[in-house]
Amino acid sequence: MSCWRVILAILFPPLAVCDQGCGSFTIVFLLTALGWVPGVIAALIILNKQQ
């Protein structure tokens, strides 16, 4: 997980996981729509899991 990905995940979570697949993008987008913090947490978990 690069530093730029972390910054992108904090600023706009769905954009950070757009290359991880449609399911990840959809989940993070919905969580971000419900609240910014759940979207950021989900994006960071997804990005950390892909290592």
C-alpha atoms as a PDB file:
ATOM      1  CA  MET A   1       0.000   0.000   0.000  1.00  0.00           C
ATOM      2  CA  SER A   2       1.655   3.172  -1.159  1.00  0.00           C
ATOM      3  CA  CYS A   3       1.512   6.534   0.546  1.00  0.00           C
ATOM      4  CA  TRP A   4      -0.475   7.998  -2.355  1.00  0.00           C
ATOM      5  CA  ARG A   5      -3.074   5.247  -2.078  1.00  0.00           C
ATOM      6  CA  VAL A   6      -3.540   5.980   1.626  1.00  0.00           C
ATOM      7  CA  ILE A   7      -3.979   9.698   0.957  1.00  0.00           C
ATOM      8  CA  LEU A   8      -6.445   8.919  -1.836  1.00  0.00           C
ATOM      9  CA  ALA A   9      -8.325   6.510   0.449  1.00  0.00           C
ATOM     10  CA  ILE A  10      -8.689   9.248   3.035  1.00  0.00           C
ATOM     11  CA  LEU A  11      -9.777  11.945   0.579  1.00  0.00           C
ATOM     12  CA  PHE A  12     -12.026   9.885  -1.737  1.00  0.00           C
ATOM     13  CA  PRO A  13     -12.254   6.208  -0.742  1.00  0.00           C
ATOM     14  CA  PRO A  14     -14.016   4.758  -3.836  1.00  0.00           C
ATOM     15  CA  LEU A  15     -11.353   6.122  -6.159  1.00  0.00           C
ATOM     16  CA  ALA A  16      -8.619   4.412  -4.136  1.00  0.00           C
ATOM     17  CA  VAL A  17     -10.127   0.951  -4.685  1.00  0.00           C
ATOM     18  CA  CYS A  18     -11.393   1.362  -8.257  1.00  0.00           C
ATOM     19  CA  ASP A  19      -8.782  -1.084  -9.631  1.00  0.00           C
ATOM     20  CA  GLN A  20      -9.606  -3.766  -7.035  1.00  0.00           C
ATOM     21  CA  GLY A  21     -12.828  -4.804  -8.754  1.00  0.00           C
ATOM     22  CA  CYS A  22     -16.430  -3.796  -9.122  1.00  0.00           C
ATOM     23  CA  GLY A  23     -17.519  -5.371  -5.830  1.00  0.00           C
ATOM     24  CA  SER A  24     -14.940  -3.529  -3.768  1.00  0.00           C
ATOM     25  CA  PHE A  25     -15.758  -0.257  -5.471  1.00  0.00           C
ATOM     26  CA  THR A  26     -19.491  -0.739  -4.881  1.00  0.00           C
ATOM     27  CA  ILE A  27     -19.086  -1.616  -1.203  1.00  0.00           C
ATOM     28  CA  VAL A  28     -16.785   1.313  -0.525  1.00  0.00           C
ATOM     29  CA  PHE A  29     -19.024   3.676  -2.495  1.00  0.00           C
ATOM     30  CA  LEU A  30     -22.101   2.647  -0.515  1.00  0.00           C
ATOM     31  CA  LEU A  31     -20.285   2.919   2.803  1.00  0.00           C
ATOM     32  CA  THR A  32     -18.953   6.334   1.822  1.00  0.00           C
ATOM     33  CA  ALA A  33     -22.479   7.421   0.911  1.00  0.00           C
ATOM     34  CA  LEU A  34     -23.675   6.349   4.354  1.00  0.00           C
ATOM     35  CA  GLY A  35     -20.798   8.089   6.078  1.00  0.00           C
ATOM     36  CA  TRP A  36     -17.300   9.153   5.237  1.00  0.00           C
ATOM     37  CA  VAL A  37     -15.565   7.271   8.079  1.00  0.00           C
ATOM     38  CA  PRO A  38     -16.933   3.789   7.225  1.00  0.00           C
ATOM     39  CA  GLY A  39     -15.874   4.313   3.617  1.00  0.00           C
ATOM     40  CA  VAL A  40     -12.339   5.255   4.630  1.00  0.00           C
ATOM     41  CA  ILE A  41     -12.052   2.273   6.968  1.00  0.00           C
ATOM     42  CA  ALA A  42     -13.324  -0.140   4.305  1.00  0.00           C
ATOM     43  CA  ALA A  43     -10.970   1.299   1.678  1.00  0.00           C
ATOM     44  CA  LEU A  44      -7.960   0.975   3.976  1.00  0.00           C
ATOM     45  CA  ILE A  45      -8.897  -2.603   4.855  1.00  0.00           C
ATOM     46  CA  ILE A  46      -9.310  -3.549   1.187  1.00  0.00           C
ATOM     47  CA  LEU A  47      -6.024  -1.896   0.229  1.00  0.00           C
ATOM     48  CA  ASN A  48      -4.172  -3.545   3.122  1.00  0.00           C
ATOM     49  CA  LYS A  49      -5.649  -6.962   2.296  1.00  0.00           C
ATOM     50  CA  GLN A  50      -4.283  -6.952  -1.277  1.00  0.00           C
ATOM     51  CA  GLN A  51      -0.630  -7.116  -0.220  1.00  0.00           C
END
